[in-house]
Protein backbone atom coordinates (compact mmCIF):
# COMPACT_ATOMS: atom_id res chain seq x y z
CA MET A 1 86.31 -122.47 -50.85
CA PRO A 2 83.35 -124.77 -52.53
CA LEU A 3 84.82 -123.90 -56.04
CA GLU A 4 87.46 -125.55 -55.34
CA LYS A 5 86.27 -128.54 -53.54
CA LEU A 6 84.05 -128.59 -56.67
CA GLN A 7 86.62 -128.47 -59.06
CA LEU A 8 88.61 -131.79 -57.09
CA ALA A 9 85.72 -133.63 -57.20
CA GLU A 10 85.33 -132.61 -60.91
CA MET A 11 89.26 -133.99 -61.82
CA LEU A 12 88.28 -137.26 -59.68
CA LEU A 13 85.45 -138.15 -61.29
CA ALA A 14 87.31 -137.03 -64.28
CA ASP A 15 90.23 -139.93 -63.38
CA LEU A 16 88.03 -142.07 -62.57
CA ASP A 17 85.42 -142.07 -66.05
CA THR A 18 88.81 -142.51 -67.84
CA PRO A 19 88.72 -145.96 -69.86
CA ASP A 20 91.68 -148.21 -69.06
CA PRO A 21 92.94 -149.40 -72.54
CA GLN A 22 94.74 -152.04 -71.62
CA ILE A 23 91.34 -153.31 -69.88
CA GLU A 24 89.31 -151.58 -72.83
CA ALA A 25 91.43 -153.67 -75.43
CA VAL A 26 91.02 -157.10 -73.04
CA TRP A 27 86.92 -156.51 -73.11
CA ARG A 28 87.35 -155.92 -76.79
CA ASP A 29 88.79 -159.28 -77.78
CA GLU A 30 86.74 -160.73 -75.01
CA VAL A 31 83.66 -159.56 -77.15
CA GLN A 32 84.77 -160.78 -80.09
CA LYS A 33 85.76 -164.75 -79.34
CA ARG A 34 82.31 -164.76 -77.64
CA TRP A 35 80.20 -163.36 -81.00
CA GLN A 36 82.42 -165.45 -83.39
CA ALA A 37 81.33 -168.25 -81.44
CA TYR A 38 78.14 -167.38 -81.37
CA LYS A 39 77.41 -167.44 -84.66
CA ASP A 40 79.42 -170.56 -84.60
CA GLY A 41 77.03 -172.12 -82.22
CA LYS A 42 79.16 -173.17 -80.33
CA ILE A 43 77.86 -170.96 -76.92
CA SER A 44 74.10 -170.04 -76.76
CA THR A 45 71.99 -167.65 -75.24
CA VAL A 46 70.06 -167.36 -72.12
CA SER A 47 67.23 -165.48 -71.40
CA TYR A 48 67.05 -163.13 -68.48
CA ASP A 49 64.36 -163.71 -67.24
CA SER A 50 66.20 -167.55 -66.75
CA ILE A 51 68.94 -166.09 -65.62
CA MET A 52 66.89 -163.61 -62.68
CA GLN A 53 64.44 -167.31 -61.74
CA LYS A 54 68.15 -168.29 -61.34
CA TYR A 55 69.50 -166.23 -58.94
CA LYS A 56 66.50 -165.16 -56.59
């Protein structure tokens, strides 16, 4: 019984860890758009510290 539970848990975790190709494609497109906007000077970066201060 414990081995069966372990196998079931491994199968469930493997299924959860499998990326969705459609979601990955959407994120890839978004990252490319943001990177291009940054390179073109249309957007700027924000420091980690300023974000942490804002949401304290």
